[in-house]
Protein backbone atom coordinates (compact mmCIF):
# COMPACT_ATOMS: atom_id res chain seq x y z
CA MET A 1 -64.33 -72.49 43.44
CA VAL A 2 -61.54 -74.72 42.55
CA VAL A 3 -59.83 -76.76 45.10
CA LYS A 4 -56.42 -77.87 43.43
CA THR A 5 -53.83 -80.10 45.08
CA PRO A 6 -50.35 -79.55 43.87
CA HIS A 7 -48.67 -82.89 42.87
CA TRP A 8 -45.95 -82.56 44.94
CA HIS A 9 -48.35 -82.56 48.25
CA ARG A 10 -50.38 -85.72 47.06
CA ALA A 11 -47.84 -87.81 48.65
CA ARG A 12 -48.25 -86.33 52.03
CA SER A 13 -52.09 -86.53 51.70
CA THR A 14 -51.75 -89.96 50.93
CA VAL A 15 -49.72 -90.44 54.39
CA GLY A 16 -52.47 -88.45 56.32
CA ALA A 17 -55.19 -90.75 54.88
CA LEU A 18 -53.17 -93.87 55.81
CA ALA A 19 -53.19 -92.41 59.32
CA VAL A 20 -56.67 -92.15 59.47
CA VAL A 21 -57.14 -95.67 58.41
CA ALA A 22 -54.88 -96.78 60.88
CA ALA A 23 -56.86 -94.97 63.65
CA LEU A 24 -60.21 -96.47 62.46
CA VAL A 25 -58.57 -99.96 62.81
CA LEU A 26 -57.48 -99.18 66.22
CA VAL A 27 -61.12 -98.11 67.20
CA ALA A 28 -62.44 -101.16 65.80
CA CYS A 29 -60.37 -103.16 67.97
CA GLY A 30 -62.25 -102.04 70.78
CA PRO A 31 -62.20 -99.08 73.41
CA ARG A 32 -59.16 -97.98 75.30
CA THR A 33 -59.28 -98.09 78.94
CA GLY A 34 -57.38 -95.07 80.90
CA ALA A 35 -53.93 -95.54 82.74
CA PRO A 36 -52.89 -98.87 84.08
CA ALA A 37 -53.96 -100.08 87.29
CA ALA A 38 -50.12 -99.51 88.59
CA GLU A 39 -50.20 -95.88 87.81
CA ARG A 40 -53.81 -95.18 88.86
CA GLY A 41 -53.71 -93.24 92.39
CA GLN A 42 -49.70 -92.86 92.40
CA ASN A 43 -48.86 -89.74 93.52
CA LEU A 44 -48.57 -86.89 90.63
CA ALA A 45 -44.79 -85.98 91.23
CA ASP A 46 -43.87 -89.53 91.47
CA PHE A 47 -45.65 -90.13 88.49
CA TYR A 48 -44.24 -87.38 86.40
CA SER A 49 -40.80 -87.32 87.62
CA GLY A 50 -38.28 -88.60 84.82
CA LYS A 51 -41.13 -88.92 82.34
CA THR A 52 -41.27 -87.08 78.91
CA VAL A 53 -44.37 -85.36 78.05
CA THR A 54 -44.74 -85.01 74.11
CA ILE A 55 -46.78 -82.29 72.73
CA ILE A 56 -48.10 -83.40 69.13
CA VAL A 57 -48.52 -80.65 66.72
CA GLY A 58 -50.92 -81.30 63.69
CA TYR A 59 -48.89 -79.08 61.51
CA ALA A 60 -45.22 -78.73 59.81
CA PRO A 61 -42.55 -76.82 61.67
CA GLY A 62 -42.64 -73.15 61.42
CA GLY A 63 -46.13 -72.19 61.34
CA GLY A 64 -48.20 -70.59 64.00
CA PHE A 65 -49.10 -73.72 65.85
CA ASP A 66 -45.79 -74.89 66.12
CA THR A 67 -44.43 -71.77 67.07
CA THR A 68 -47.10 -71.58 69.79
CA ALA A 69 -46.59 -75.03 70.88
CA ARG A 70 -42.69 -74.83 71.26
CA LEU A 71 -42.82 -71.58 73.31
CA ALA A 72 -45.24 -73.15 75.58
CA ALA A 73 -43.27 -76.49 75.99
CA LYS A 74 -39.98 -74.46 77.25
CA HIS A 75 -41.97 -73.53 80.47
CA LEU A 76 -44.93 -76.18 80.65
CA GLY A 77 -42.76 -78.81 82.53
CA LYS A 78 -41.89 -76.44 85.49
CA HIS A 79 -45.57 -76.11 86.26
CA ILE A 80 -46.23 -79.81 86.16
CA PRO A 81 -45.56 -81.72 89.54
CA GLY A 82 -42.57 -83.93 89.10
CA ASN A 83 -41.31 -81.55 86.35
CA PRO A 84 -41.21 -83.75 83.52
CA ASN A 85 -39.29 -82.94 80.33
CA ILE A 86 -41.57 -81.71 77.47
CA ILE A 87 -40.66 -82.36 73.79
CA VAL A 88 -42.69 -81.32 70.64
CA GLU A 89 -43.34 -83.81 67.61
CA ASN A 90 -45.15 -82.58 64.34
CA MET A 91 -47.70 -84.73 62.65
CA PRO A 92 -48.86 -82.72 59.78
CA GLY A 93 -51.74 -84.00 57.59
CA ALA A 94 -55.24 -83.30 56.40
CA GLY A 95 -55.11 -79.73 57.98
CA SER A 96 -54.20 -81.38 61.34
CA LEU A 97 -57.02 -84.06 61.17
CA THR A 98 -54.40 -86.65 61.47
CA ALA A 99 -53.01 -85.52 64.57
CA THR A 100 -56.43 -84.96 66.15
CA ASN A 101 -57.44 -88.50 65.35
CA HIS A 102 -54.12 -89.73 66.49
CA LEU A 103 -54.78 -88.10 69.95
CA TYR A 104 -58.39 -89.44 70.14
CA ASN A 105 -57.56 -92.94 69.06
CA VAL A 106 -54.10 -93.79 69.45
CA ALA A 107 -52.42 -91.82 72.10
CA ARG A 108 -52.32 -93.39 75.55
CA PRO A 109 -54.68 -91.51 78.04
CA ASP A 110 -51.76 -91.37 80.69
CA GLY A 111 -51.08 -87.75 80.99
CA LEU A 112 -48.02 -88.01 78.66
CA THR A 113 -49.39 -86.81 75.29
CA ILE A 114 -50.79 -83.36 74.60
CA GLY A 115 -52.23 -82.54 71.13
CA VAL A 116 -52.06 -78.99 69.40
CA PHE A 117 -54.50 -78.95 66.52
CA ASN A 118 -56.51 -76.72 64.38
CA GLU A 119 -59.70 -75.56 66.38
CA LEU A 120 -61.84 -75.81 63.15
CA GLN A 121 -61.64 -79.60 63.75
CA VAL A 122 -64.67 -78.86 66.06
CA VAL A 123 -66.44 -77.40 63.41
CA ASN A 124 -65.51 -80.63 61.19
CA GLN A 125 -67.14 -82.77 63.88
CA VAL A 126 -70.41 -80.69 63.63
CA ILE A 127 -70.70 -81.00 59.70
CA ASN A 128 -69.65 -84.51 59.63
CA VAL A 129 -66.35 -84.07 57.49
CA GLU A 130 -65.09 -87.22 56.16
CA GLY A 131 -62.24 -88.78 58.19
CA VAL A 132 -63.49 -87.25 61.46
CA GLN A 133 -62.83 -90.08 64.30
CA PHE A 134 -63.09 -88.24 67.30
CA ASP A 135 -65.73 -86.53 69.71
CA ALA A 136 -64.55 -83.21 71.05
CA ARG A 137 -66.97 -83.69 74.09
CA GLN A 138 -64.83 -86.60 75.06
CA MET A 139 -61.45 -85.12 75.04
CA GLY A 140 -59.55 -83.52 77.94
CA TRP A 141 -59.21 -79.68 77.21
CA LEU A 142 -56.47 -77.78 78.94
CA GLY A 143 -57.40 -74.51 77.57
CA ASN A 144 -56.07 -72.40 74.41
CA ALA A 145 -53.47 -69.87 73.97
CA VAL A 146 -54.77 -67.57 71.46
CA GLN A 147 -58.00 -65.50 70.59
CA SER A 148 -57.29 -64.00 67.10
CA PRO A 149 -59.18 -62.46 64.05
CA ILE A 150 -58.83 -64.29 60.88
CA THR A 151 -57.27 -62.37 58.14
CA CYS A 152 -56.42 -62.64 54.59
CA THR A 153 -52.98 -61.62 53.92
CA ILE A 154 -52.01 -61.01 50.26
CA ARG A 155 -49.07 -59.59 48.44
CA ALA A 156 -48.97 -56.10 48.23
CA ASP A 157 -48.49 -56.01 44.46
CA SER A 158 -51.70 -57.79 43.98
CA PRO A 159 -54.57 -55.31 42.23
CA TYR A 160 -56.87 -56.43 44.95
CA ASN A 161 -56.54 -53.53 47.29
CA THR A 162 -59.80 -53.37 49.18
CA ALA A 163 -62.64 -55.91 50.29
CA GLU A 164 -64.90 -54.54 47.65
CA ASP A 165 -62.43 -55.41 45.09
CA LEU A 166 -62.94 -59.32 45.94
CA LEU A 167 -66.20 -58.83 44.21
CA ARG A 168 -64.67 -57.62 40.88
CA ARG A 169 -64.91 -59.88 37.86
CA ASP A 170 -62.55 -57.82 35.71
CA LEU A 171 -59.44 -59.13 37.48
CA PRO A 172 -57.96 -62.54 37.38
CA PRO A 173 -59.24 -64.72 40.42
CA LEU A 174 -57.35 -64.10 43.66
CA ILE A 175 -55.20 -67.11 44.14
CA LEU A 176 -55.27 -68.26 48.08
CA GLY A 177 -53.17 -71.12 49.40
CA GLY A 178 -54.62 -73.57 51.92
CA THR A 179 -53.75 -76.82 53.75
CA ALA A 180 -56.88 -78.81 53.63
CA PRO A 181 -60.78 -78.82 54.07
CA GLY A 182 -61.67 -77.94 57.67
CA ALA A 183 -58.63 -75.44 58.23
CA GLU A 184 -59.10 -71.67 58.35
CA THR A 185 -56.85 -71.34 55.31
CA ASP A 186 -59.29 -73.13 53.14
CA ASN A 187 -62.82 -72.51 55.11
CA PHE A 188 -62.45 -68.76 55.12
CA PRO A 189 -62.06 -68.34 51.15
CA LYS A 190 -64.97 -70.89 50.58
CA LEU A 191 -66.90 -68.79 53.06
CA MET A 192 -66.28 -65.45 51.36
CA SER A 193 -66.83 -67.13 47.95
CA SER A 194 -70.22 -68.38 48.94
CA VAL A 195 -71.52 -65.54 51.24
CA ILE A 196 -70.30 -62.48 49.29
CA GLY A 197 -69.28 -64.05 45.94
CA ALA A 198 -65.53 -63.26 46.23
CA ASN A 199 -63.62 -63.89 43.15
CA VAL A 200 -61.09 -66.20 44.91
CA ARG A 201 -59.46 -69.50 43.93
CA LEU A 202 -58.27 -71.97 46.46
CA VAL A 203 -55.21 -74.11 45.93
CA SER A 204 -55.03 -76.65 48.81
CA GLY A 205 -52.69 -79.41 49.85
CA TYR A 206 -49.76 -77.70 51.54
CA GLY A 207 -48.30 -79.00 54.66
CA GLY A 208 -48.70 -75.89 56.65
CA THR A 209 -48.79 -72.07 56.89
CA SER A 210 -44.83 -72.07 56.54
CA GLU A 211 -45.16 -73.88 53.14
CA ILE A 212 -47.97 -71.60 52.17
CA ARG A 213 -45.72 -68.58 52.87
CA LEU A 214 -42.86 -69.77 50.74
CA ALA A 215 -45.54 -70.26 47.84
CA VAL A 216 -46.57 -66.60 48.51
CA GLU A 217 -43.01 -65.24 48.26
CA SER A 218 -42.57 -67.11 45.17
CA ARG A 219 -45.56 -66.02 43.56
CA GLU A 220 -46.96 -69.36 43.33
CA VAL A 221 -50.08 -68.08 45.22
CA ASP A 222 -51.28 -64.64 45.94
CA GLY A 223 -51.79 -65.05 49.65
CA MET A 224 -53.59 -67.14 52.43
CA CYS A 225 -56.19 -66.64 55.32
CA TRP A 226 -55.09 -67.31 58.71
CA SER A 227 -54.82 -66.09 62.28
CA TYR A 228 -53.42 -63.00 62.78
CA THR A 229 -51.42 -63.77 65.50
CA SER A 230 -49.81 -66.19 63.31
CA VAL A 231 -48.95 -63.53 60.68
CA THR A 232 -47.37 -61.28 63.54
CA SER A 233 -45.30 -64.19 65.18
CA THR A 234 -44.28 -65.81 61.96
CA ALA A 235 -44.30 -63.52 59.06
CA ALA A 236 -43.17 -60.51 60.90
CA ASN A 237 -40.99 -59.49 57.93
CA TRP A 238 -44.09 -59.28 55.71
CA MET A 239 -45.27 -56.86 58.18
CA ASP A 240 -42.06 -55.02 58.71
CA THR A 241 -41.32 -54.84 54.75
CA ASN A 242 -44.90 -54.16 53.85
CA PHE A 243 -44.88 -57.10 51.79
CA ILE A 244 -48.63 -57.69 52.18
CA LYS A 245 -52.02 -56.00 52.78
CA VAL A 246 -55.10 -57.15 54.31
CA PRO A 247 -58.15 -56.20 52.47
CA VAL A 248 -60.74 -58.36 54.55
CA TYR A 249 -60.70 -59.95 57.94
CA GLN A 250 -63.22 -61.29 60.63
CA TRP A 251 -63.72 -60.74 64.15
CA THR A 252 -66.81 -60.37 66.43
CA GLU A 253 -66.13 -56.54 66.33
CA PRO A 254 -63.59 -54.22 64.86
CA ASP A 255 -60.02 -55.23 65.99
CA PRO A 256 -57.67 -52.25 66.87
CA LYS A 257 -54.47 -53.96 66.11
CA VAL A 258 -55.82 -55.02 62.64
CA GLN A 259 -57.15 -51.75 61.92
CA GLN A 260 -54.34 -49.66 63.05
CA ARG A 261 -51.86 -51.57 60.75
CA PHE A 262 -54.12 -52.13 57.89
CA PRO A 263 -56.75 -49.35 58.20
CA THR A 264 -58.66 -50.38 55.09
CA ALA A 265 -59.26 -53.58 55.96
CA LYS A 266 -62.84 -54.33 56.39
CA ARG A 267 -64.80 -57.28 58.51
CA LEU A 268 -66.42 -60.12 56.28
CA GLU A 269 -69.65 -59.53 58.27
CA GLU A 270 -69.74 -55.83 57.44
CA MET A 271 -70.10 -57.03 53.61
CA VAL A 272 -73.51 -58.59 54.08
CA ASN A 273 -76.94 -57.10 54.90
CA ASP A 274 -78.94 -59.93 56.30
CA GLU A 275 -78.98 -61.48 59.75
CA ALA A 276 -78.80 -64.89 58.31
CA SER A 277 -75.51 -64.24 56.62
CA ARG A 278 -73.96 -62.64 59.55
CA ALA A 279 -74.94 -65.49 61.83
CA LEU A 280 -73.28 -67.87 59.35
CA ILE A 281 -70.20 -65.89 59.23
CA ARG A 282 -69.98 -65.57 63.07
CA ALA A 283 -70.70 -69.61 63.22
CA ALA A 284 -68.05 -70.29 60.93
CA THR A 285 -65.69 -68.42 62.67
CA ALA A 286 -66.57 -68.92 66.30
CA THR A 287 -63.63 -71.15 66.96
CA SER A 288 -61.21 -67.93 66.41
CA LYS A 289 -62.06 -67.52 70.19
CA ILE A 290 -60.56 -70.84 71.03
CA SER A 291 -57.38 -70.75 68.80
CA LYS A 292 -54.43 -72.85 69.44
CA PRO A 293 -56.05 -75.26 71.79
CA PHE A 294 -54.17 -77.81 73.82
CA ALA A 295 -56.10 -81.16 74.50
CA VAL A 296 -55.20 -84.84 75.73
CA PRO A 297 -57.00 -88.08 75.04
CA PRO A 298 -60.28 -89.41 76.62
CA ARG A 299 -60.37 -90.85 79.78
CA LEU A 300 -57.33 -89.37 81.50
CA PRO A 301 -57.61 -89.80 85.08
CA ALA A 302 -59.20 -86.70 86.51
CA ASP A 303 -55.99 -85.59 88.77
CA ARG A 304 -53.56 -85.97 85.99
CA LEU A 305 -56.23 -83.68 83.83
CA LYS A 306 -56.56 -81.18 86.40
CA ALA A 307 -52.90 -80.94 86.94
CA LEU A 308 -52.23 -80.35 83.13
CA GLN A 309 -55.13 -77.70 83.01
CA ASP A 310 -53.30 -75.97 86.06
CA ALA A 311 -49.90 -76.12 84.67
CA PHE A 312 -51.44 -74.75 81.21
CA ASP A 313 -53.13 -71.64 82.94
CA ALA A 314 -49.77 -71.27 84.90
CA THR A 315 -47.58 -71.19 81.70
CA MET A 316 -50.06 -68.67 79.94
CA LYS A 317 -49.36 -66.52 83.11
CA ASP A 318 -45.54 -67.28 83.46
CA PRO A 319 -43.61 -63.95 83.19
CA GLU A 320 -40.81 -65.85 81.39
CA PHE A 321 -43.36 -67.32 78.81
CA LEU A 322 -44.80 -63.86 78.20
CA ALA A 323 -41.47 -62.20 77.92
CA GLU A 324 -40.44 -64.83 75.31
CA ALA A 325 -43.73 -64.55 73.51
CA GLU A 326 -43.69 -60.67 73.00
CA GLN A 327 -40.32 -61.04 71.87
CA ALA A 328 -41.58 -63.44 69.33
CA ARG A 329 -44.58 -61.18 68.37
CA LEU A 330 -46.87 -63.59 69.79
CA ASP A 331 -50.15 -62.24 71.19
CA VAL A 332 -51.07 -64.35 73.91
CA LEU A 333 -54.88 -63.99 74.82
CA PRO A 334 -55.63 -67.29 76.51
CA ASN A 335 -58.67 -69.11 77.82
CA GLN A 336 -58.83 -71.47 80.72
CA ALA A 337 -60.18 -75.04 80.00
CA ILE A 338 -63.65 -73.96 81.47
CA GLU A 339 -64.05 -71.41 78.73
CA THR A 340 -62.59 -73.37 75.96
CA ILE A 341 -65.04 -76.23 76.82
CA ARG A 342 -68.07 -73.63 76.93
CA VAL A 343 -67.16 -72.37 73.24
CA ILE A 344 -66.77 -76.13 71.99
CA ASN A 345 -70.17 -77.12 73.54
CA GLU A 346 -71.68 -73.95 71.89
CA ILE A 347 -70.42 -74.88 68.48
CA LEU A 348 -71.21 -78.39 68.72
CA ALA A 349 -74.91 -77.26 69.52
CA LEU A 350 -75.35 -75.25 66.15
CA PRO A 351 -78.73 -75.48 64.99
CA ALA A 352 -79.29 -77.94 62.00
CA ASP A 353 -80.00 -75.50 59.63
CA VAL A 354 -76.81 -73.37 60.20
CA ALA A 355 -74.52 -76.54 60.61
CA GLY A 356 -76.08 -77.89 57.26
CA LYS A 357 -75.41 -74.66 55.39
CA LEU A 358 -71.71 -74.93 56.69
CA ALA A 359 -71.40 -78.06 55.53
CA GLU A 360 -72.27 -77.16 52.10
CA ILE A 361 -69.76 -74.55 52.20
CA ILE A 362 -66.81 -76.39 53.50
CA LYS A 363 -67.26 -79.46 51.74
CA GLN A 364 -67.53 -77.62 48.08
CA GLY A 365 -64.81 -78.46 45.88
């Protein structure tokens, strides 16, 4: 497995690294406290009235995370007491690790900042990925917007047609684009290489899936592995023009939507015979059940956390939101906070041997 960062992305990686360093400095200066005393206990409608809530997205504009966040932002404010204004800011870097660290260490716990970042950051905490400066147990979770299979979409003109073709050595390696270690764009190719010996090569360092899409279209890479919901919502033209095929995907059971559109697609766990490998695959992809999570900094006052959780839940059920999501071809299958937290705690409690094997796979160069 070769992880190669294109030279035009190295400056962006440096910026992400500096952001992590800045977060470390802030942590070293001492723990943050909650909202100022003057704000604590204030009526929620009075507090939020006239305010602006910022949703920080850990990727560049145009990808699945950005699309989901911007659609939710259009409706979230009307479900929060006081009806604050909602804006979206993009903070790409290190597969959304920069934004996750910022939310945990820099953003004030006052209810005015929400983060949307890659759910695989929870796995990164388990395996002690370098640069992780957060504890998912301490964050406030509003819920997640999507539950979606991970699919590997590749150009239709690629010689790789089936999952079994991934094992061939008489073909050039299948080149897949990635963002950074810890994102599914990177983790899934590494998982395929380690578990089934897939003949793939990863080119990592892109700022988001929108950049990888351009790389696929220009033949810079052959494809990428990402959420099926992101495919349908941000690369609908690929589907409509039969520009892509899906040889392999992963979900806990056969997915009707994937199988109907790509009938020859095979689940990764169907390509292994031993239970240990299946358990490893399921552990590595468990976060697909909590895709596109919305979170807030630790120590947010309980009443504001509850208000934001209720607002997120109401947004996911809002008829206007759902109609726009359908128009955008975004499959919304949300979890309330309690279920998101349950899955997170389950992942954080992975057995040491499974976590160790995951660490070996994800950290490989």
